[in-house]
Amino acid sequence: MTLCSENLRPEGARGSGIAPKRSHILQIFIVFVKGIIIAGTLAGRNSIRSIARWAKSLKEEDLKLLGIKRKNAPTQTTMHEVLVRLDEKLVEEAFSAWAKTFIDDSKLYQIAIDGKTLRGSGTSEYPALHLLAAYCSEISSVISQLAVDSKKNEITAAKEILFDMPLKGKFVSGDAIFCQKEICNHCCPNV
């Protein structure tokens, strides 16, 4: 499960008459754009506009240090076009798997589970987006996140999140709603 150019193909790149060489160049460019976005995020930028400004300020030498052989960084519009074509499930799975690599099995870590509704995400046609996240304070990262469907509830989503979580020797905390026998049995199977 890696984020590679195969997960983000230019529309029509396969089977639509685009020459293989051109398709390969587009795939390399997409990897370059994703790399700039990740580097900008790691540099503390938290919006596409901010990342684009940061990238524009990079000199050619800085871009070469990032492995990029272009003279200038992609524009905000280009970054936006790449991001809207990403498969969000693959991105979420890849970042979750990456974050979980920082959890040491031999150490006691706290994993806090909590649900939040994103303010401003609802409209008259669509309900607001409700997310359930598992956060590990020792690594300062959300290690898993799941959108709670309107047909489900947080308890069902918590079971899904905890199923793939490295829980051995971990302290799991959450709201009182998570004090269900099935969730507790999954967290502490031998108790």
C-alpha atoms as a PDB file:
ATOM      1  CA  MET A   1       0.000   0.000   0.000  1.00  0.00           C
ATOM      2  CA  THR A   2       2.098   2.861  -1.264  1.00  0.00           C
ATOM      3  CA  LEU A   3       1.216   6.165  -2.777  1.00  0.00           C
ATOM      4  CA  CYS A   4       2.728   5.892  -6.197  1.00  0.00           C
ATOM      5  CA  SER A   5       1.942   7.242  -9.614  1.00  0.00           C
ATOM      6  CA  GLU A   6      -0.221   4.177 -10.331  1.00  0.00           C
ATOM      7  CA  ASN A   7      -2.719   5.397  -7.725  1.00  0.00           C
ATOM      8  CA  LEU A   8      -3.076   8.695  -9.530  1.00  0.00           C
ATOM      9  CA  ARG A   9      -3.178   8.277 -13.265  1.00  0.00           C
ATOM     10  CA  PRO A  10      -3.776  11.200 -15.561  1.00  0.00           C
ATOM     11  CA  GLU A  11      -7.269  10.884 -16.979  1.00  0.00           C
ATOM     12  CA  GLY A  12      -7.124   8.781 -20.090  1.00  0.00           C
ATOM     13  CA  ALA A  13      -3.466   7.818 -19.669  1.00  0.00           C
ATOM     14  CA  ARG A  14      -4.173   4.170 -20.356  1.00  0.00           C
ATOM     15  CA  GLY A  15      -6.042   2.991 -23.393  1.00  0.00           C
ATOM     16  CA  SER A  16      -6.938   6.404 -24.739  1.00  0.00           C
ATOM     17  CA  GLY A  17      -4.200   7.163 -27.200  1.00  0.00           C
ATOM     18  CA  ILE A  18      -1.795   9.070 -24.926  1.00  0.00           C
ATOM     19  CA  ALA A  19       1.694   7.961 -25.890  1.00  0.00           C
ATOM     20  CA  PRO A  20       3.411   5.776 -23.236  1.00  0.00           C
ATOM     21  CA  LYS A  21       6.337   8.215 -22.972  1.00  0.00           C
ATOM     22  CA  ARG A  22       3.987  11.139 -22.304  1.00  0.00           C
ATOM     23  CA  SER A  23       2.080   9.062 -19.741  1.00  0.00           C
ATOM     24  CA  HIS A  24       5.361   8.222 -17.985  1.00  0.00           C
ATOM     25  CA  ILE A  25       6.356  11.903 -17.890  1.00  0.00           C
ATOM     26  CA  LEU A  26       2.952  12.818 -16.417  1.00  0.00           C
ATOM     27  CA  GLN A  27       3.318  10.116 -13.757  1.00  0.00           C
ATOM     28  CA  ILE A  28       6.773  11.426 -12.785  1.00  0.00           C
ATOM     29  CA  PHE A  29       5.363  14.969 -12.592  1.00  0.00           C
ATOM     30  CA  ILE A  30       2.523  13.773 -10.343  1.00  0.00           C
ATOM     31  CA  VAL A  31       5.027  12.135  -7.978  1.00  0.00           C
ATOM     32  CA  PHE A  32       6.999  15.405  -7.981  1.00  0.00           C
ATOM     33  CA  VAL A  33       3.880  17.427  -7.090  1.00  0.00           C
ATOM     34  CA  LYS A  34       2.914  15.019  -4.290  1.00  0.00           C
ATOM     35  CA  GLY A  35       6.482  15.257  -2.950  1.00  0.00           C
ATOM     36  CA  ILE A  36       6.314  19.061  -2.854  1.00  0.00           C
ATOM     37  CA  ILE A  37       2.948  18.914  -1.048  1.00  0.00           C
ATOM     38  CA  ILE A  38       4.301  16.480   1.557  1.00  0.00           C
ATOM     39  CA  ALA A  39       7.495  18.522   2.031  1.00  0.00           C
ATOM     40  CA  GLY A  40       5.432  21.701   2.427  1.00  0.00           C
ATOM     41  CA  THR A  41       3.214  20.028   5.004  1.00  0.00           C
ATOM     42  CA  LEU A  42       6.264  18.813   6.929  1.00  0.00           C
ATOM     43  CA  ALA A  43       7.599  22.385   6.766  1.00  0.00           C
ATOM     44  CA  GLY A  44       4.521  23.504   8.717  1.00  0.00           C
ATOM     45  CA  ARG A  45       2.285  24.737   5.906  1.00  0.00           C
ATOM     46  CA  ASN A  46      -1.355  23.770   6.356  1.00  0.00           C
ATOM     47  CA  SER A  47      -3.139  24.830   3.170  1.00  0.00           C
ATOM     48  CA  ILE A  48      -2.537  24.469  -0.552  1.00  0.00           C
ATOM     49  CA  ARG A  49      -2.128  28.218  -0.840  1.00  0.00           C
ATOM     50  CA  SER A  50       0.508  28.247   1.905  1.00  0.00           C
ATOM     51  CA  ILE A  51       2.310  25.239   0.412  1.00  0.00           C
ATOM     52  CA  ALA A  52       2.311  26.889  -3.026  1.00  0.00           C
ATOM     53  CA  ARG A  53       3.806  30.091  -1.572  1.00  0.00           C
ATOM     54  CA  TRP A  54       6.433  28.068   0.273  1.00  0.00           C
ATOM     55  CA  ALA A  55       7.262  26.045  -2.850  1.00  0.00           C
ATOM     56  CA  LYS A  56       7.494  29.202  -4.977  1.00  0.00           C
ATOM     57  CA  SER A  57      10.092  30.573  -2.564  1.00  0.00           C
ATOM     58  CA  LEU A  58      12.342  27.541  -3.081  1.00  0.00           C
ATOM     59  CA  LYS A  59      15.418  28.098  -5.190  1.00  0.00           C
ATOM     60  CA  GLU A  60      16.545  25.687  -7.882  1.00  0.00           C
ATOM     61  CA  GLU A  61      19.177  24.280  -5.487  1.00  0.00           C
ATOM     62  CA  ASP A  62      16.480  23.611  -2.858  1.00  0.00           C
ATOM     63  CA  LEU A  63      14.381  21.756  -5.405  1.00  0.00           C
ATOM     64  CA  LYS A  64      17.417  19.646  -6.342  1.00  0.00           C
ATOM     65  CA  LEU A  65      17.849  18.712  -2.660  1.00  0.00           C
ATOM     66  CA  LEU A  66      14.275  17.408  -2.791  1.00  0.00           C
ATOM     67  CA  GLY A  67      15.207  15.339  -5.862  1.00  0.00           C
ATOM     68  CA  ILE A  68      13.410  17.630  -8.296  1.00  0.00           C
ATOM     69  CA  LYS A  69      15.141  18.575 -11.522  1.00  0.00           C
ATOM     70  CA  ARG A  70      12.888  21.488 -12.436  1.00  0.00           C
ATOM     71  CA  LYS A  71      13.651  25.178 -12.106  1.00  0.00           C
ATOM     72  CA  ASN A  72      10.409  26.109 -10.383  1.00  0.00           C
ATOM     73  CA  ALA A  73       7.770  24.491  -8.222  1.00  0.00           C
ATOM     74  CA  PRO A  74       4.223  23.673  -9.324  1.00  0.00           C
ATOM     75  CA  THR A  75       1.515  26.289  -8.952  1.00  0.00           C
ATOM     76  CA  GLN A  76      -1.340  26.225  -6.467  1.00  0.00           C
ATOM     77  CA  THR A  77      -3.746  25.224  -9.258  1.00  0.00           C
ATOM     78  CA  THR A  78      -1.542  22.295 -10.262  1.00  0.00           C
ATOM     79  CA  MET A  79      -1.327  21.091  -6.662  1.00  0.00           C
ATOM     80  CA  HIS A  80      -5.093  21.371  -6.336  1.00  0.00           C
ATOM     81  CA  GLU A  81      -5.668  19.385  -9.550  1.00  0.00           C
ATOM     82  CA  VAL A  82      -3.371  16.601  -8.312  1.00  0.00           C
ATOM     83  CA  LEU A  83      -5.004  16.446  -4.871  1.00  0.00           C
ATOM     84  CA  VAL A  84      -8.578  16.264  -6.157  1.00  0.00           C
ATOM     85  CA  ARG A  85      -7.635  13.254  -8.277  1.00  0.00           C
ATOM     86  CA  LEU A  86      -6.085  11.312  -5.397  1.00  0.00           C
ATOM     87  CA  ASP A  87      -7.976   8.335  -4.036  1.00  0.00           C
ATOM     88  CA  GLU A  88      -8.628   9.571  -0.481  1.00  0.00           C
ATOM     89  CA  LYS A  89      -8.984   6.016   0.863  1.00  0.00           C
ATOM     90  CA  LEU A  90      -5.497   5.096  -0.357  1.00  0.00           C
ATOM     91  CA  VAL A  91      -4.018   8.291   1.059  1.00  0.00           C
ATOM     92  CA  GLU A  92      -5.674   7.716   4.428  1.00  0.00           C
ATOM     93  CA  GLU A  93      -4.554   4.064   4.543  1.00  0.00           C
ATOM     94  CA  ALA A  94      -0.988   4.975   3.587  1.00  0.00           C
ATOM     95  CA  PHE A  95      -0.682   7.725   6.222  1.00  0.00           C
ATOM     96  CA  SER A  96      -2.289   5.515   8.860  1.00  0.00           C
ATOM     97  CA  ALA A  97       0.129   2.672   8.089  1.00  0.00           C
ATOM     98  CA  TRP A  98       3.039   5.134   8.168  1.00  0.00           C
ATOM     99  CA  ALA A  99       1.938   6.632  11.529  1.00  0.00           C
ATOM    100  CA  LYS A 100       1.577   3.154  13.045  1.00  0.00           C
ATOM    101  CA  THR A 101       5.248   2.440  12.281  1.00  0.00           C
ATOM    102  CA  PHE A 102       6.166   4.942  15.017  1.00  0.00           C
ATOM    103  CA  ILE A 103       4.362   2.945  17.699  1.00  0.00           C
ATOM    104  CA  ASP A 104       6.823   0.820  19.647  1.00  0.00           C
ATOM    105  CA  ASP A 105       5.250  -2.497  20.680  1.00  0.00           C
ATOM    106  CA  SER A 106       7.380  -2.661  23.819  1.00  0.00           C
ATOM    107  CA  LYS A 107       6.247   0.721  25.211  1.00  0.00           C
ATOM    108  CA  LEU A 108       3.005   1.724  26.894  1.00  0.00           C
ATOM    109  CA  TYR A 109       1.247   4.267  24.729  1.00  0.00           C
ATOM    110  CA  GLN A 110      -2.140   5.877  25.179  1.00  0.00           C
ATOM    111  CA  ILE A 111      -4.508   5.698  22.245  1.00  0.00           C
ATOM    112  CA  ALA A 112      -7.435   8.096  22.644  1.00  0.00           C
ATOM    113  CA  ILE A 113     -10.552   7.557  20.560  1.00  0.00           C
ATOM    114  CA  ASP A 114     -12.941  10.418  20.000  1.00  0.00           C
ATOM    115  CA  GLY A 115     -15.517  11.519  17.479  1.00  0.00           C
ATOM    116  CA  LYS A 116     -16.019  15.038  16.166  1.00  0.00           C
ATOM    117  CA  THR A 117     -18.388  16.642  13.712  1.00  0.00           C
ATOM    118  CA  LEU A 118     -16.613  18.998  11.329  1.00  0.00           C
ATOM    119  CA  ARG A 119     -18.140  22.424  11.730  1.00  0.00           C
ATOM    120  CA  GLY A 120     -19.282  23.968   8.477  1.00  0.00           C
ATOM    121  CA  SER A 121     -19.205  20.669   6.562  1.00  0.00           C
ATOM    122  CA  GLY A 122     -22.984  20.214   6.483  1.00  0.00           C
ATOM    123  CA  THR A 123     -25.374  21.796   4.025  1.00  0.00           C
ATOM    124  CA  SER A 124     -29.120  21.750   3.561  1.00  0.00           C
ATOM    125  CA  GLU A 125     -28.631  18.771   1.222  1.00  0.00           C
ATOM    126  CA  TYR A 126     -25.920  16.857   3.087  1.00  0.00           C
ATOM    127  CA  PRO A 127     -25.391  16.172   6.783  1.00  0.00           C
ATOM    128  CA  ALA A 128     -22.207  17.402   8.456  1.00  0.00           C
ATOM    129  CA  LEU A 129     -19.203  15.078   8.274  1.00  0.00           C
ATOM    130  CA  HIS A 130     -18.604  13.154  11.479  1.00  0.00           C
ATOM    131  CA  LEU A 131     -15.160  11.590  12.006  1.00  0.00           C
ATOM    132  CA  LEU A 132     -13.880   9.122  14.580  1.00  0.00           C
ATOM    133  CA  ALA A 133     -10.152   9.341  15.210  1.00  0.00           C
ATOM    134  CA  ALA A 134      -7.612   7.330  17.173  1.00  0.00           C
ATOM    135  CA  TYR A 135      -4.891   9.665  18.453  1.00  0.00           C
ATOM    136  CA  CYS A 136      -1.598   8.675  20.060  1.00  0.00           C
ATOM    137  CA  SER A 137      -0.226  11.526  22.148  1.00  0.00           C
ATOM    138  CA  GLU A 138       3.258  10.014  22.456  1.00  0.00           C
ATOM    139  CA  ILE A 139       3.828  10.323  18.715  1.00  0.00           C
ATOM    140  CA  SER A 140       1.545  13.395  18.396  1.00  0.00           C
ATOM    141  CA  SER A 141      -0.402  11.904  15.529  1.00  0.00           C
ATOM    142  CA  VAL A 142      -3.755  10.571  14.500  1.00  0.00           C
ATOM    143  CA  ILE A 143      -2.996   6.947  13.710  1.00  0.00           C
ATOM    144  CA  SER A 144      -6.379   6.096  12.263  1.00  0.00           C
ATOM    145  CA  GLN A 145      -9.455   8.024  11.236  1.00  0.00           C
ATOM    146  CA  LEU A 146     -12.806   6.940   9.911  1.00  0.00           C
ATOM    147  CA  ALA A 147     -15.824   8.829   8.626  1.00  0.00           C
ATOM    148  CA  VAL A 148     -18.890   7.770  10.587  1.00  0.00           C
ATOM    149  CA  ASP A 149     -21.669   7.075   8.124  1.00  0.00           C
ATOM    150  CA  SER A 150     -25.077   8.480   8.978  1.00  0.00           C
ATOM    151  CA  LYS A 151     -26.381   4.895   9.079  1.00  0.00           C
ATOM    152  CA  LYS A 152     -23.739   3.862  11.641  1.00  0.00           C
ATOM    153  CA  ASN A 153     -22.711   5.224  14.996  1.00  0.00           C
ATOM    154  CA  GLU A 154     -19.411   5.798  16.794  1.00  0.00           C
ATOM    155  CA  ILE A 155     -19.542   2.395  18.484  1.00  0.00           C
ATOM    156  CA  THR A 156     -19.597   0.568  15.144  1.00  0.00           C
ATOM    157  CA  ALA A 157     -16.842   2.826  13.791  1.00  0.00           C
ATOM    158  CA  ALA A 158     -14.733   2.263  16.937  1.00  0.00           C
ATOM    159  CA  LYS A 159     -14.862  -1.493  16.352  1.00  0.00           C
ATOM    160  CA  GLU A 160     -13.585  -0.946  12.798  1.00  0.00           C
ATOM    161  CA  ILE A 161     -10.754   1.355  13.923  1.00  0.00           C
ATOM    162  CA  LEU A 162      -9.639  -0.859  16.807  1.00  0.00           C
ATOM    163  CA  PHE A 163      -9.686  -4.028  14.730  1.00  0.00           C
ATOM    164  CA  ASP A 164      -6.533  -3.034  12.819  1.00  0.00           C
ATOM    165  CA  MET A 165      -4.820  -1.265  15.720  1.00  0.00           C
ATOM    166  CA  PRO A 166      -1.660  -2.551  17.464  1.00  0.00           C
ATOM    167  CA  LEU A 167      -3.252  -2.746  20.946  1.00  0.00           C
ATOM    168  CA  LYS A 168      -0.943  -5.125  22.816  1.00  0.00           C
ATOM    169  CA  GLY A 169       0.396  -3.229  25.845  1.00  0.00           C
ATOM    170  CA  LYS A 170      -1.508  -0.067  24.913  1.00  0.00           C
ATOM    171  CA  PHE A 171      -3.842   2.044  27.038  1.00  0.00           C
ATOM    172  CA  VAL A 172      -7.043   2.829  25.132  1.00  0.00           C
ATOM    173  CA  SER A 173      -9.240   5.681  26.339  1.00  0.00           C
ATOM    174  CA  GLY A 174     -12.430   7.215  25.073  1.00  0.00           C
ATOM    175  CA  ASP A 175     -15.808   8.618  25.983  1.00  0.00           C
ATOM    176  CA  ALA A 176     -18.266   6.626  28.088  1.00  0.00           C
ATOM    177  CA  ILE A 177     -20.024   5.549  24.898  1.00  0.00           C
ATOM    178  CA  PHE A 178     -17.083   3.228  24.180  1.00  0.00           C
ATOM    179  CA  CYS A 179     -17.587   1.241  27.421  1.00  0.00           C
ATOM    180  CA  GLN A 180     -19.281  -1.559  25.492  1.00  0.00           C
ATOM    181  CA  LYS A 181     -18.496  -5.209  26.247  1.00  0.00           C
ATOM    182  CA  GLU A 182     -17.529  -5.956  22.655  1.00  0.00           C
ATOM    183  CA  ILE A 183     -15.077  -3.032  22.464  1.00  0.00           C
ATOM    184  CA  CYS A 184     -13.582  -3.816  25.894  1.00  0.00           C
ATOM    185  CA  ASN A 185     -13.186  -7.503  24.961  1.00  0.00           C
ATOM    186  CA  HIS A 186     -11.318  -6.517  21.841  1.00  0.00           C
ATOM    187  CA  CYS A 187      -8.994  -4.160  23.763  1.00  0.00           C
ATOM    188  CA  CYS A 188      -8.410  -6.600  26.645  1.00  0.00           C
ATOM    189  CA  PRO A 189      -9.088 -10.132  25.343  1.00  0.00           C
ATOM    190  CA  ASN A 190      -7.489 -11.934  28.319  1.00  0.00           C
ATOM    191  CA  VAL A 191      -9.153  -9.998  31.119  1.00  0.00           C
END
